[in-house]
């Protein structure tokens, strides 16, 4: 049975459209679960305003998704309506599908969208985490658009031979020949020296395979922290010069959808 998730976002100024994640909602098969941030101070500093109404919304939302038998209970249908129509300080991202169980999806969404709410030592900022996230997102996007047969396009730990040598990529889309090459980076949990070496090595790999094939879609899937990383800023300059798309953790699903749509589009 398919499950779905949506991110609850705080938008202090809808005109400026700056937002911060405040919670996640998962639903499917007649059930709804939700989880909210614990560190409300981050949202208060972000907006420079009182966020007590957000805390009250979180309490009310939790109560209304319980099986209390009350007429005001939030159902899947009413939540989808909320996600489609709310446009003020509290907004929801469009629900997206998943192959996980509801409980697994709640934990996954928590790790992906609320990680900055945790103590630094507990954040899942590792390349392994990001590789799994990207592979699962790509596989789901292709299966949803092309059925089980489309799963074969998604390659994990895939080697692509460039003009000079062979290069392993964490994720690739291929159908006889490579169509998309993506590499994963974490600018949080490793040393700056290690980050810099990864960036330069992958930049060479991107350039080499592009020299052989040309027209490949290239992507850097990145995990970043709250502060400004000088290595990440340098990486953006290098990757942009090579035509590499930089995809933050929160945008991996959208990127996977776009790739699947492009690759599977009828000729």
Protein backbone atom coordinates (compact mmCIF):
# COMPACT_ATOMS: atom_id res chain seq x y z
CA UNK A 1 0.00 0.00 0.00
CA UNK A 2 1.44 3.38 -1.00
CA UNK A 3 2.27 5.91 1.70
CA UNK A 4 2.76 9.65 1.37
CA UNK A 5 4.57 12.47 3.16
CA UNK A 6 4.37 16.24 3.32
CA UNK A 7 6.61 18.79 5.05
CA UNK A 8 5.03 21.41 7.30
CA UNK A 9 6.77 24.72 6.64
CA UNK A 10 6.80 28.03 8.51
CA UNK A 11 6.65 31.02 6.13
CA UNK A 12 6.82 34.25 8.20
CA UNK A 13 6.47 36.46 5.12
CA UNK A 14 4.60 34.78 2.23
CA UNK A 15 5.73 37.58 -0.08
CA UNK A 16 9.42 36.96 0.60
CA UNK A 17 8.67 33.20 0.52
CA UNK A 18 11.49 32.32 2.93
CA UNK A 19 10.62 29.15 4.82
CA UNK A 20 11.83 26.76 7.48
CA UNK A 21 10.67 23.21 8.14
CA UNK A 22 8.54 22.88 11.27
CA UNK A 23 7.27 19.31 11.01
CA UNK A 24 6.42 16.35 8.81
CA UNK A 25 3.17 14.50 8.12
CA UNK A 26 2.90 10.96 6.74
CA UNK A 27 -0.30 9.19 5.76
CA UNK A 28 -1.71 6.16 3.99
CA UNK A 29 -4.24 3.37 4.36
CA UNK A 30 -6.49 5.56 6.50
CA UNK A 31 -3.82 6.58 9.02
CA UNK A 32 -1.96 9.85 9.62
CA UNK A 33 1.16 10.43 11.73
CA UNK A 34 3.02 13.68 12.39
CA UNK A 35 6.18 14.89 14.04
CA UNK A 36 7.23 18.47 14.84
CA UNK A 37 10.47 20.17 15.75
CA UNK A 38 11.48 20.35 19.40
CA UNK A 39 13.73 23.40 19.13
CA UNK A 40 11.15 26.13 18.52
CA UNK A 41 13.80 28.76 19.28
CA UNK A 42 15.34 28.22 15.83
CA UNK A 43 12.05 29.17 14.17
CA UNK A 44 11.66 32.18 16.46
CA UNK A 45 15.15 33.44 15.57
CA UNK A 46 14.46 32.78 11.90
CA UNK A 47 11.29 34.88 11.91
CA UNK A 48 12.17 37.35 14.70
CA UNK A 49 8.63 36.97 16.01
CA UNK A 50 6.67 35.00 18.58
CA UNK A 51 5.96 31.44 17.44
CA UNK A 52 3.55 30.40 20.18
CA UNK A 53 0.84 30.04 17.52
CA UNK A 54 3.02 27.41 15.82
CA UNK A 55 3.31 25.44 19.05
CA UNK A 56 -0.46 25.61 19.48
CA UNK A 57 -0.97 24.47 15.89
CA UNK A 58 1.31 21.48 16.55
CA UNK A 59 -0.67 20.52 19.66
CA UNK A 60 -4.01 20.91 17.87
CA UNK A 61 -2.82 18.98 14.82
CA UNK A 62 -1.61 16.05 16.91
CA UNK A 63 -4.93 15.90 18.76
CA UNK A 64 -6.97 16.03 15.56
CA UNK A 65 -5.14 13.15 13.88
CA UNK A 66 -5.73 10.86 16.84
CA UNK A 67 -8.48 8.25 16.62
CA UNK A 68 -10.63 10.18 19.04
CA UNK A 69 -13.90 9.81 17.17
CA UNK A 70 -14.35 13.58 17.10
CA UNK A 71 -15.95 15.18 14.09
CA UNK A 72 -13.01 17.55 13.72
CA UNK A 73 -10.57 14.69 13.06
CA UNK A 74 -8.16 15.30 10.17
CA UNK A 75 -8.49 12.64 7.49
CA UNK A 76 -6.34 11.98 4.43
CA UNK A 77 -8.84 13.88 2.31
CA UNK A 78 -8.95 16.92 4.59
CA UNK A 79 -5.18 16.98 4.88
CA UNK A 80 -4.75 16.89 1.09
CA UNK A 81 -7.12 19.84 0.94
CA UNK A 82 -5.05 21.68 3.56
CA UNK A 83 -1.86 20.98 1.61
CA UNK A 84 -3.41 22.35 -1.57
CA UNK A 85 -4.99 25.50 -0.16
CA UNK A 86 -3.03 26.86 2.83
CA UNK A 87 -0.99 29.87 1.72
CA UNK A 88 -0.23 31.88 4.88
CA UNK A 89 2.40 31.45 7.60
CA UNK A 90 1.84 27.68 7.82
CA UNK A 91 2.12 25.79 4.54
CA UNK A 92 2.55 22.20 3.38
CA UNK A 93 4.55 20.77 0.53
CA UNK A 94 2.61 18.75 -2.04
CA UNK A 95 2.23 15.14 -0.79
CA UNK A 96 4.74 12.74 -2.31
CA UNK A 97 4.61 8.97 -2.50
CA UNK A 98 6.89 6.39 -0.91
CA UNK A 99 7.36 2.61 -0.83
CA UNK A 100 8.09 2.62 2.93
CA UNK A 101 5.67 1.63 5.66
CA UNK A 102 4.05 4.51 7.53
CA UNK A 103 6.32 4.17 10.56
CA UNK A 104 9.44 3.83 8.39
CA UNK A 105 8.39 6.85 6.35
CA UNK A 106 7.94 8.97 9.48
CA UNK A 107 11.49 8.19 10.61
CA UNK A 108 12.84 8.77 7.11
CA UNK A 109 11.06 12.13 6.76
CA UNK A 110 12.25 13.15 10.23
CA UNK A 111 15.87 12.43 9.28
CA UNK A 112 15.59 14.19 5.96
CA UNK A 113 13.65 17.32 6.82
CA UNK A 114 14.04 17.89 10.56
CA UNK A 115 17.69 16.91 11.01
CA UNK A 116 18.78 20.49 11.82
CA UNK A 117 16.54 20.35 14.88
CA UNK A 118 18.77 17.72 16.49
CA UNK A 119 21.94 17.91 18.49
CA UNK A 120 24.92 17.88 16.11
CA UNK A 121 26.10 14.46 17.22
CA UNK A 122 22.80 12.82 16.29
CA UNK A 123 22.38 14.20 12.78
CA UNK A 124 22.53 11.64 9.95
CA UNK A 125 25.01 13.75 7.97
CA UNK A 126 26.93 10.96 6.26
CA UNK A 127 27.57 10.12 2.62
CA UNK A 128 26.11 6.66 3.21
CA UNK A 129 22.84 8.21 4.35
CA UNK A 130 22.73 10.51 1.33
CA UNK A 131 23.56 7.70 -1.11
CA UNK A 132 20.64 5.63 0.16
CA UNK A 133 18.32 8.63 0.09
CA UNK A 134 19.23 9.44 -3.53
CA UNK A 135 19.02 5.85 -4.75
CA UNK A 136 15.63 5.29 -3.12
CA UNK A 137 14.28 8.57 -4.52
CA UNK A 138 15.47 7.79 -8.06
CA UNK A 139 14.15 4.23 -7.98
CA UNK A 140 10.74 5.37 -6.77
CA UNK A 141 10.54 8.15 -9.37
CA UNK A 142 11.32 5.76 -12.24
CA UNK A 143 8.97 3.01 -11.04
CA UNK A 144 6.12 5.48 -10.58
CA UNK A 145 6.51 6.77 -14.13
CA UNK A 146 7.57 3.68 -16.02
CA UNK A 147 6.52 0.69 -13.93
CA UNK A 148 8.82 -2.02 -12.62
CA UNK A 149 10.63 -2.25 -15.97
CA UNK A 150 11.97 1.27 -15.45
CA UNK A 151 13.83 0.21 -12.29
CA UNK A 152 16.68 -1.04 -14.49
CA UNK A 153 17.62 2.54 -15.45
CA UNK A 154 18.75 3.35 -11.90
CA UNK A 155 22.32 2.27 -11.16
CA UNK A 156 24.06 2.41 -7.80
CA UNK A 157 27.88 2.57 -7.56
CA UNK A 158 28.14 2.70 -11.34
CA UNK A 159 31.41 3.13 -13.24
CA UNK A 160 31.50 5.43 -16.28
CA UNK A 161 34.51 5.51 -18.60
CA UNK A 162 35.53 9.00 -19.65
CA UNK A 163 37.97 10.25 -22.29
CA UNK A 164 40.94 9.38 -20.08
CA UNK A 165 39.91 6.84 -17.45
CA UNK A 166 37.04 5.13 -15.60
CA UNK A 167 35.18 6.89 -12.78
CA UNK A 168 32.82 5.37 -10.15
CA UNK A 169 29.66 7.36 -9.37
CA UNK A 170 27.36 6.84 -6.40
CA UNK A 171 24.29 7.07 -8.64
CA UNK A 172 23.77 6.98 -12.39
CA UNK A 173 20.93 6.64 -14.85
CA UNK A 174 21.88 4.48 -17.83
CA UNK A 175 20.24 2.65 -20.68
CA UNK A 176 22.99 1.07 -22.69
CA UNK A 177 24.96 4.29 -22.22
CA UNK A 178 25.08 6.73 -19.30
CA UNK A 179 22.44 9.48 -19.29
CA UNK A 180 22.87 10.98 -15.81
CA UNK A 181 25.81 10.91 -13.40
CA UNK A 182 25.45 12.00 -9.78
CA UNK A 183 27.87 12.10 -6.89
CA UNK A 184 27.15 12.55 -3.20
CA UNK A 185 28.91 14.98 -0.86
CA UNK A 186 28.72 15.79 2.84
CA UNK A 187 30.08 19.17 3.90
CA UNK A 188 29.40 18.47 7.56
CA UNK A 189 30.76 15.25 8.99
CA UNK A 190 34.19 15.08 7.34
CA UNK A 191 37.34 17.20 7.50
CA UNK A 192 37.77 20.16 5.18
CA UNK A 193 40.80 18.48 3.60
CA UNK A 194 38.74 15.38 2.82
CA UNK A 195 35.89 17.51 1.44
CA UNK A 196 38.28 19.43 -0.80
CA UNK A 197 39.84 16.23 -2.17
CA UNK A 198 36.39 14.79 -2.92
CA UNK A 199 35.32 17.94 -4.77
CA UNK A 200 38.42 18.14 -6.93
CA UNK A 201 38.42 14.41 -7.75
CA UNK A 202 34.76 14.48 -8.72
CA UNK A 203 35.16 17.67 -10.73
CA UNK A 204 37.83 15.88 -12.78
CA UNK A 205 35.52 12.88 -13.19
CA UNK A 206 32.60 15.08 -14.31
CA UNK A 207 34.81 16.86 -16.84
CA UNK A 208 36.33 13.62 -18.18
CA UNK A 209 33.03 11.82 -18.81
CA UNK A 210 31.53 14.94 -20.34
CA UNK A 211 34.45 15.10 -22.78
CA UNK A 212 33.62 11.61 -23.97
CA UNK A 213 29.83 11.70 -24.03
CA UNK A 214 28.74 15.34 -24.03
CA UNK A 215 25.19 16.25 -23.06
CA UNK A 216 25.21 14.17 -19.89
CA UNK A 217 23.15 15.48 -16.98
CA UNK A 218 25.53 15.92 -14.06
CA UNK A 219 24.49 16.45 -10.43
CA UNK A 220 26.15 16.97 -7.06
CA UNK A 221 23.83 15.82 -4.27
CA UNK A 222 24.89 17.64 -1.12
CA UNK A 223 24.43 17.62 2.63
CA UNK A 224 25.25 20.94 4.28
CA UNK A 225 25.10 22.30 7.81
CA UNK A 226 23.66 25.54 9.11
CA UNK A 227 26.86 27.57 8.84
CA UNK A 228 28.67 28.71 5.71
CA UNK A 229 31.24 26.16 4.55
CA UNK A 230 34.08 27.74 2.53
CA UNK A 231 34.71 24.38 0.83
CA UNK A 232 31.08 24.18 -0.25
CA UNK A 233 31.20 27.74 -1.58
CA UNK A 234 34.28 26.84 -3.63
CA UNK A 235 32.60 23.61 -4.78
CA UNK A 236 29.60 25.55 -6.08
CA UNK A 237 31.87 27.71 -8.21
CA UNK A 238 33.72 24.71 -9.63
CA UNK A 239 30.61 22.65 -10.32
CA UNK A 240 28.68 25.52 -11.88
CA UNK A 241 31.58 26.11 -14.29
CA UNK A 242 31.22 22.48 -15.41
CA UNK A 243 27.43 22.61 -15.79
CA UNK A 244 26.86 20.42 -12.75
CA UNK A 245 23.54 20.87 -10.98
CA UNK A 246 23.84 21.22 -7.20
CA UNK A 247 20.97 19.47 -5.41
CA UNK A 248 20.50 19.99 -1.63
CA UNK A 249 19.17 17.14 0.49
CA UNK A 250 15.66 18.58 0.67
CA UNK A 251 15.40 18.77 -3.14
CA UNK A 252 16.53 15.24 -4.04
CA UNK A 253 12.97 14.01 -4.62
CA UNK A 254 12.20 16.86 -7.01
CA UNK A 255 15.46 16.25 -8.86
CA UNK A 256 14.70 12.52 -9.18
CA UNK A 257 11.22 13.29 -10.54
CA UNK A 258 12.62 15.66 -13.15
CA UNK A 259 15.24 13.14 -14.24
CA UNK A 260 12.69 10.33 -14.53
CA UNK A 261 10.30 12.50 -16.50
CA UNK A 262 13.05 13.54 -18.92
CA UNK A 263 14.49 10.05 -19.43
CA UNK A 264 11.15 8.27 -19.77
CA UNK A 265 9.51 10.94 -21.93
CA UNK A 266 8.18 9.33 -25.14
CA UNK A 267 10.33 10.08 -28.15
